[in-house]
Amino acid sequence: MSRGIRATVLIIINYTLFFLVPTMLYNLTGQLTPSVETTITSYFAAIAALTVIRIMLKGHALSVASGIALGFVQALFIYIVTDGGVLTLEVSGLSVTLEFQPLLYLMMTPPLLGTVRQFWDYVSKSASQPVNMIEVVGE
């Protein structure tokens, strides 16, 4: 699959996960304010840009750096959108608070593990490259 098609597919997946789902959930709970919408949009833009950079520059150091940054941005986005694992809903004048920090940490694990994997793959790849030793003899 070409890089452009792969980038497009991943942007569509990220759009669904990191823009549509949070926007719809905040809209359903009645908590979608302009500042929340701006936060969601900003993080999605960063996620989309880092995804495209990572795919288009595959094999370069910048791809690894964007992949590592992408994992951190995704984990931070999950933490911020879920308000640190605390969800408060107002239902008919009754306030219900749900705390789900253990689930939140499980949700943050895949992007962070991807970050570690990206770094490990890059380090192991660079460690296995042959080294050319050149002897310089002065005259």
N, C-alpha and C. Protein backbone atom coordinates (compact mmCIF):
# COMPACT_ATOMS: atom_id res chain seq x y z
N MET A 1 0.85 -1.17 0.00
CA MET A 1 0.00 0.00 0.00
C MET A 1 0.90 1.24 0.00
N SER A 2 0.58 2.20 -0.82
CA SER A 2 1.43 3.39 -0.90
C SER A 2 1.30 4.22 0.37
N ARG A 3 2.28 5.07 0.60
CA ARG A 3 2.30 5.87 1.82
C ARG A 3 1.13 6.84 1.89
N GLY A 4 0.76 7.40 0.75
CA GLY A 4 -0.36 8.34 0.73
C GLY A 4 -1.67 7.69 1.11
N ILE A 5 -1.91 6.50 0.59
CA ILE A 5 -3.15 5.77 0.91
C ILE A 5 -3.13 5.37 2.38
N ARG A 6 -1.98 4.89 2.86
CA ARG A 6 -1.88 4.49 4.27
C ARG A 6 -2.11 5.69 5.19
N ALA A 7 -1.55 6.83 4.83
CA ALA A 7 -1.75 8.05 5.62
C ALA A 7 -3.22 8.45 5.63
N THR A 8 -3.88 8.35 4.49
CA THR A 8 -5.30 8.70 4.40
C THR A 8 -6.15 7.79 5.27
N VAL A 9 -5.87 6.50 5.22
CA VAL A 9 -6.63 5.55 6.03
C VAL A 9 -6.44 5.83 7.52
N LEU A 10 -5.19 6.09 7.92
CA LEU A 10 -4.93 6.36 9.34
C LEU A 10 -5.53 7.70 9.78
N ILE A 11 -5.58 8.68 8.90
CA ILE A 11 -6.22 9.95 9.23
C ILE A 11 -7.72 9.74 9.45
N ILE A 12 -8.34 8.91 8.63
CA ILE A 12 -9.77 8.63 8.79
C ILE A 12 -10.02 7.90 10.12
N ILE A 13 -9.17 6.94 10.44
CA ILE A 13 -9.30 6.22 11.72
C ILE A 13 -9.09 7.18 12.89
N ASN A 14 -8.04 8.01 12.81
CA ASN A 14 -7.78 8.97 13.87
C ASN A 14 -8.89 10.01 13.98
N TYR A 15 -9.46 10.40 12.85
CA TYR A 15 -10.58 11.35 12.86
C TYR A 15 -11.75 10.77 13.64
N THR A 16 -12.02 9.50 13.41
CA THR A 16 -13.11 8.84 14.12
C THR A 16 -12.82 8.74 15.61
N LEU A 17 -11.62 8.26 15.96
CA LEU A 17 -11.29 8.03 17.37
C LEU A 17 -11.02 9.30 18.16
N PHE A 18 -10.33 10.26 17.54
CA PHE A 18 -9.86 11.42 18.29
C PHE A 18 -10.63 12.70 18.01
N PHE A 19 -11.64 12.64 17.13
CA PHE A 19 -12.46 13.83 16.90
C PHE A 19 -13.94 13.53 17.02
N LEU A 20 -14.43 12.60 16.20
CA LEU A 20 -15.87 12.32 16.20
C LEU A 20 -16.37 11.76 17.53
N VAL A 21 -15.71 10.73 18.04
CA VAL A 21 -16.17 10.08 19.27
C VAL A 21 -16.17 11.05 20.46
N PRO A 22 -15.06 11.78 20.72
CA PRO A 22 -15.11 12.72 21.85
C PRO A 22 -16.14 13.84 21.66
N THR A 23 -16.25 14.34 20.44
CA THR A 23 -17.22 15.41 20.18
C THR A 23 -18.64 14.91 20.43
N MET A 24 -18.94 13.70 19.94
CA MET A 24 -20.29 13.16 20.14
C MET A 24 -20.56 12.87 21.62
N LEU A 25 -19.56 12.35 22.34
CA LEU A 25 -19.77 12.07 23.77
C LEU A 25 -19.99 13.35 24.57
N TYR A 26 -19.19 14.36 24.30
CA TYR A 26 -19.39 15.64 24.98
C TYR A 26 -20.71 16.27 24.59
N ASN A 27 -21.12 16.11 23.34
CA ASN A 27 -22.40 16.65 22.88
C ASN A 27 -23.57 15.93 23.55
N LEU A 28 -23.47 14.61 23.69
CA LEU A 28 -24.54 13.84 24.34
C LEU A 28 -24.69 14.19 25.81
N THR A 29 -23.58 14.48 26.47
CA THR A 29 -23.64 14.82 27.89
C THR A 29 -23.94 16.30 28.11
N GLY A 30 -23.99 17.07 27.03
CA GLY A 30 -24.28 18.49 27.15
C GLY A 30 -23.11 19.32 27.63
N GLN A 31 -21.91 18.80 27.52
CA GLN A 31 -20.73 19.49 28.02
C GLN A 31 -19.82 20.00 26.90
N LEU A 32 -20.33 20.02 25.67
CA LEU A 32 -19.53 20.50 24.54
C LEU A 32 -19.56 22.01 24.51
N THR A 33 -18.50 22.61 25.01
CA THR A 33 -18.37 24.06 25.01
C THR A 33 -17.36 24.44 23.92
N PRO A 34 -17.30 25.71 23.56
CA PRO A 34 -16.30 26.11 22.55
C PRO A 34 -14.86 25.79 22.96
N SER A 35 -14.55 25.90 24.24
CA SER A 35 -13.17 25.59 24.67
C SER A 35 -12.88 24.10 24.55
N VAL A 36 -13.85 23.25 24.88
CA VAL A 36 -13.67 21.80 24.73
C VAL A 36 -13.54 21.44 23.26
N GLU A 37 -14.35 22.06 22.42
CA GLU A 37 -14.29 21.79 20.99
C GLU A 37 -12.94 22.24 20.40
N THR A 38 -12.44 23.38 20.88
CA THR A 38 -11.13 23.86 20.43
C THR A 38 -10.03 22.91 20.87
N THR A 39 -10.12 22.41 22.08
CA THR A 39 -9.12 21.45 22.58
C THR A 39 -9.12 20.18 21.74
N ILE A 40 -10.30 19.64 21.47
CA ILE A 40 -10.42 18.42 20.67
C ILE A 40 -9.87 18.66 19.27
N THR A 41 -10.22 19.78 18.67
CA THR A 41 -9.76 20.10 17.32
C THR A 41 -8.24 20.28 17.27
N SER A 42 -7.69 20.96 18.26
CA SER A 42 -6.24 21.19 18.29
C SER A 42 -5.47 19.88 18.43
N TYR A 43 -5.92 19.03 19.34
CA TYR A 43 -5.24 17.75 19.51
C TYR A 43 -5.38 16.88 18.27
N PHE A 44 -6.55 16.89 17.65
CA PHE A 44 -6.71 16.10 16.43
C PHE A 44 -5.79 16.61 15.32
N ALA A 45 -5.65 17.93 15.20
CA ALA A 45 -4.76 18.49 14.18
C ALA A 45 -3.31 18.05 14.43
N ALA A 46 -2.89 18.07 15.69
CA ALA A 46 -1.53 17.62 16.02
C ALA A 46 -1.36 16.14 15.72
N ILE A 47 -2.35 15.34 16.08
CA ILE A 47 -2.30 13.89 15.83
C ILE A 47 -2.25 13.61 14.34
N ALA A 48 -3.06 14.32 13.57
CA ALA A 48 -3.08 14.12 12.12
C ALA A 48 -1.74 14.52 11.50
N ALA A 49 -1.19 15.65 11.89
CA ALA A 49 0.09 16.11 11.34
C ALA A 49 1.21 15.13 11.67
N LEU A 50 1.27 14.69 12.92
CA LEU A 50 2.33 13.75 13.31
C LEU A 50 2.17 12.40 12.61
N THR A 51 0.94 11.98 12.38
CA THR A 51 0.70 10.72 11.66
C THR A 51 1.21 10.82 10.24
N VAL A 52 0.90 11.91 9.56
CA VAL A 52 1.34 12.10 8.18
C VAL A 52 2.88 12.17 8.11
N ILE A 53 3.49 12.90 9.02
CA ILE A 53 4.96 13.00 9.03
C ILE A 53 5.58 11.64 9.26
N ARG A 54 5.02 10.89 10.20
CA ARG A 54 5.58 9.57 10.52
C ARG A 54 5.51 8.63 9.32
N ILE A 55 4.41 8.66 8.59
CA ILE A 55 4.25 7.75 7.46
C ILE A 55 5.05 8.21 6.24
N MET A 56 4.98 9.48 5.93
CA MET A 56 5.65 9.98 4.73
C MET A 56 7.17 9.94 4.83
N LEU A 57 7.71 10.08 6.03
CA LEU A 57 9.16 10.08 6.19
C LEU A 57 9.68 8.78 6.77
N LYS A 58 8.96 7.70 6.53
CA LYS A 58 9.34 6.39 7.06
C LYS A 58 10.78 6.06 6.67
N GLY A 59 11.55 5.61 7.66
CA GLY A 59 12.94 5.27 7.43
C GLY A 59 13.90 6.39 7.80
N HIS A 60 13.39 7.55 8.14
CA HIS A 60 14.23 8.68 8.54
C HIS A 60 14.09 8.93 10.04
N ALA A 61 15.05 9.63 10.60
CA ALA A 61 15.02 9.92 12.04
C ALA A 61 13.82 10.78 12.40
N LEU A 62 13.40 11.67 11.49
CA LEU A 62 12.25 12.52 11.76
C LEU A 62 10.97 11.69 11.91
N SER A 63 10.90 10.57 11.21
CA SER A 63 9.75 9.68 11.33
C SER A 63 9.69 9.08 12.73
N VAL A 64 10.84 8.71 13.26
CA VAL A 64 10.88 8.14 14.61
C VAL A 64 10.49 9.20 15.63
N ALA A 65 11.02 10.40 15.47
CA ALA A 65 10.70 11.48 16.40
C ALA A 65 9.21 11.80 16.37
N SER A 66 8.62 11.84 15.17
CA SER A 66 7.18 12.12 15.09
C SER A 66 6.36 10.96 15.64
N GLY A 67 6.83 9.73 15.47
CA GLY A 67 6.12 8.57 16.04
C GLY A 67 6.13 8.60 17.55
N ILE A 68 7.26 8.98 18.13
CA ILE A 68 7.35 9.08 19.59
C ILE A 68 6.47 10.21 20.09
N ALA A 69 6.52 11.36 19.42
CA ALA A 69 5.67 12.49 19.81
C ALA A 69 4.20 12.14 19.65
N LEU A 70 3.87 11.39 18.61
CA LEU A 70 2.48 10.99 18.38
C LEU A 70 1.94 10.16 19.54
N GLY A 71 2.72 9.22 20.04
CA GLY A 71 2.29 8.41 21.18
C GLY A 71 2.02 9.25 22.41
N PHE A 72 2.92 10.20 22.69
CA PHE A 72 2.73 11.08 23.85
C PHE A 72 1.50 11.98 23.68
N VAL A 73 1.31 12.52 22.49
CA VAL A 73 0.15 13.40 22.24
C VAL A 73 -1.14 12.61 22.37
N GLN A 74 -1.18 11.39 21.85
CA GLN A 74 -2.40 10.57 21.96
C GLN A 74 -2.70 10.25 23.43
N ALA A 75 -1.69 9.87 24.19
CA ALA A 75 -1.91 9.55 25.61
C ALA A 75 -2.37 10.79 26.37
N LEU A 76 -1.75 11.93 26.11
CA LEU A 76 -2.14 13.18 26.76
C LEU A 76 -3.56 13.57 26.38
N PHE A 77 -3.91 13.39 25.12
CA PHE A 77 -5.27 13.68 24.66
C PHE A 77 -6.29 12.82 25.40
N ILE A 78 -6.01 11.54 25.53
CA ILE A 78 -6.93 10.63 26.24
C ILE A 78 -7.10 11.09 27.68
N TYR A 79 -6.00 11.48 28.31
CA TYR A 79 -6.07 11.94 29.70
C TYR A 79 -6.88 13.24 29.82
N ILE A 80 -6.64 14.18 28.94
CA ILE A 80 -7.33 15.48 29.02
C ILE A 80 -8.80 15.35 28.68
N VAL A 81 -9.12 14.60 27.64
CA VAL A 81 -10.53 14.47 27.23
C VAL A 81 -11.36 13.76 28.28
N THR A 82 -10.76 12.81 28.98
CA THR A 82 -11.50 12.09 30.02
C THR A 82 -11.41 12.79 31.37
N ASP A 83 -10.80 13.95 31.40
CA ASP A 83 -10.66 14.76 32.62
C ASP A 83 -9.97 13.96 33.73
N GLY A 84 -8.93 13.25 33.35
CA GLY A 84 -8.16 12.49 34.33
C GLY A 84 -8.87 11.27 34.87
N GLY A 85 -9.88 10.78 34.16
CA GLY A 85 -10.59 9.60 34.61
C GLY A 85 -11.77 9.87 35.51
N VAL A 86 -12.28 11.11 35.47
CA VAL A 86 -13.44 11.48 36.28
C VAL A 86 -14.49 12.06 35.35
N LEU A 87 -15.66 11.46 35.33
CA LEU A 87 -16.75 11.93 34.48
C LEU A 87 -17.93 12.33 35.36
N THR A 88 -18.36 13.57 35.24
CA THR A 88 -19.49 14.07 36.02
C THR A 88 -20.64 14.37 35.06
N LEU A 89 -21.78 13.80 35.33
CA LEU A 89 -22.97 13.99 34.51
C LEU A 89 -24.10 14.58 35.35
N GLU A 90 -24.83 15.48 34.74
CA GLU A 90 -26.02 16.05 35.37
C GLU A 90 -27.24 15.42 34.72
N VAL A 91 -28.00 14.68 35.49
CA VAL A 91 -29.19 14.01 34.97
C VAL A 91 -30.37 14.41 35.84
N SER A 92 -31.30 15.17 35.28
CA SER A 92 -32.51 15.61 35.99
C SER A 92 -32.19 16.24 37.34
N GLY A 93 -31.20 17.10 37.37
CA GLY A 93 -30.83 17.77 38.61
C GLY A 93 -29.99 16.93 39.55
N LEU A 94 -29.72 15.70 39.17
CA LEU A 94 -28.91 14.80 39.98
C LEU A 94 -27.52 14.71 39.37
N SER A 95 -26.51 14.94 40.19
CA SER A 95 -25.13 14.89 39.72
C SER A 95 -24.54 13.51 39.98
N VAL A 96 -24.04 12.87 38.93
CA VAL A 96 -23.45 11.54 39.02
C VAL A 96 -21.99 11.66 38.60
N THR A 97 -21.10 11.17 39.45
CA THR A 97 -19.68 11.21 39.15
C THR A 97 -19.14 9.79 39.03
N LEU A 98 -18.50 9.51 37.92
CA LEU A 98 -17.88 8.21 37.68
C LEU A 98 -16.37 8.39 37.67
N GLU A 99 -15.68 7.58 38.45
CA GLU A 99 -14.22 7.61 38.46
C GLU A 99 -13.71 6.31 37.85
N PHE A 100 -12.89 6.43 36.82
CA PHE A 100 -12.40 5.25 36.12
C PHE A 100 -10.91 5.38 35.79
N GLN A 101 -10.11 5.77 36.78
CA GLN A 101 -8.68 5.94 36.56
C GLN A 101 -7.99 4.65 36.09
N PRO A 102 -8.28 3.48 36.68
CA PRO A 102 -7.61 2.26 36.18
C PRO A 102 -7.91 2.00 34.70
N LEU A 103 -9.14 2.23 34.29
CA LEU A 103 -9.50 2.06 32.89
C LEU A 103 -8.80 3.11 32.03
N LEU A 104 -8.67 4.32 32.56
CA LEU A 104 -7.98 5.39 31.83
C LEU A 104 -6.54 5.00 31.56
N TYR A 105 -5.87 4.45 32.56
CA TYR A 105 -4.47 4.05 32.37
C TYR A 105 -4.35 2.93 31.34
N LEU A 106 -5.32 2.04 31.31
CA LEU A 106 -5.33 1.00 30.27
C LEU A 106 -5.54 1.61 28.89
N MET A 107 -6.36 2.66 28.81
CA MET A 107 -6.60 3.34 27.53
C MET A 107 -5.34 4.08 27.06
N MET A 108 -4.54 4.55 27.99
CA MET A 108 -3.32 5.29 27.64
C MET A 108 -2.15 4.36 27.33
N THR A 109 -2.25 3.10 27.68
CA THR A 109 -1.14 2.16 27.51
C THR A 109 -0.75 1.92 26.05
N PRO A 110 -1.68 1.67 25.11
CA PRO A 110 -1.26 1.39 23.73
C PRO A 110 -0.42 2.51 23.08
N PRO A 111 -0.83 3.79 23.18
CA PRO A 111 0.04 4.80 22.56
C PRO A 111 1.41 4.89 23.23
N LEU A 112 1.47 4.72 24.54
CA LEU A 112 2.75 4.81 25.23
C LEU A 112 3.64 3.61 24.91
N LEU A 113 3.04 2.43 24.79
CA LEU A 113 3.83 1.26 24.38
C LEU A 113 4.32 1.42 22.95
N GLY A 114 3.51 2.04 22.10
CA GLY A 114 3.93 2.32 20.73
C GLY A 114 5.13 3.25 20.70
N THR A 115 5.16 4.19 21.62
CA THR A 115 6.29 5.11 21.73
C THR A 115 7.56 4.36 22.10
N VAL A 116 7.46 3.48 23.07
CA VAL A 116 8.62 2.68 23.48
C VAL A 116 9.07 1.78 22.34
N ARG A 117 8.11 1.19 21.63
CA ARG A 117 8.43 0.30 20.51
C ARG A 117 9.15 1.08 19.40
N GLN A 118 8.65 2.28 19.08
CA GLN A 118 9.30 3.11 18.06
C GLN A 118 10.75 3.38 18.43
N PHE A 119 10.97 3.78 19.67
CA PHE A 119 12.33 4.09 20.12
C PHE A 119 13.20 2.85 20.10
N TRP A 120 12.67 1.75 20.59
CA TRP A 120 13.45 0.51 20.64
C TRP A 120 13.82 0.02 19.24
N ASP A 121 12.86 0.08 18.31
CA ASP A 121 13.13 -0.33 16.93
C ASP A 121 14.22 0.52 16.31
N TYR A 122 14.18 1.83 16.56
CA TYR A 122 15.17 2.73 15.99
C TYR A 122 16.56 2.46 16.57
N VAL A 123 16.62 2.28 17.89
CA VAL A 123 17.91 2.03 18.53
C VAL A 123 18.48 0.69 18.08
N SER A 124 17.65 -0.35 18.03
CA SER A 124 18.16 -1.67 17.64
C SER A 124 18.56 -1.68 16.17
N LYS A 125 17.85 -0.92 15.33
CA LYS A 125 18.20 -0.84 13.92
C LYS A 125 19.53 -0.11 13.74
N SER A 126 19.71 0.97 14.47
CA SER A 126 20.96 1.72 14.34
C SER A 126 22.14 0.96 14.93
N ALA A 127 21.88 0.13 15.94
CA ALA A 127 22.96 -0.64 16.55
C ALA A 127 23.43 -1.78 15.66
N SER A 128 22.57 -2.22 14.76
CA SER A 128 22.94 -3.35 13.91
C SER A 128 23.51 -2.91 12.57
N GLN A 129 23.65 -1.62 12.35
CA GLN A 129 24.22 -1.12 11.10
C GLN A 129 25.73 -1.37 11.08
N PRO A 130 26.27 -1.76 9.94
CA PRO A 130 27.72 -1.98 9.87
C PRO A 130 28.47 -0.64 9.97
N VAL A 131 29.63 -0.72 10.56
CA VAL A 131 30.46 0.47 10.73
C VAL A 131 31.64 0.33 9.78
N ASN A 132 31.88 1.36 9.00
CA ASN A 132 33.03 1.37 8.10
C ASN A 132 34.16 2.15 8.75
N MET A 133 35.22 1.47 9.00
CA MET A 133 36.38 2.11 9.59
C MET A 133 37.33 2.51 8.46
N ILE A 134 37.72 3.75 8.46
CA ILE A 134 38.64 4.26 7.45
C ILE A 134 39.91 4.70 8.16
N GLU A 135 41.01 4.18 7.68
CA GLU A 135 42.28 4.56 8.26
C GLU A 135 42.88 5.69 7.42
N VAL A 136 43.20 6.76 8.09
CA VAL A 136 43.80 7.90 7.41
C VAL A 136 45.29 7.91 7.75
N VAL A 137 46.11 7.84 6.72
CA VAL A 137 47.54 7.82 6.91
C VAL A 137 48.09 9.17 6.42
N GLY A 138 48.76 9.86 7.31
CA GLY A 138 49.30 11.18 6.96
C GLY A 138 50.62 11.05 6.22
N GLU A 139 50.86 11.90 5.27
CA GLU A 139 52.11 11.85 4.52
C GLU A 139 53.03 12.95 4.94
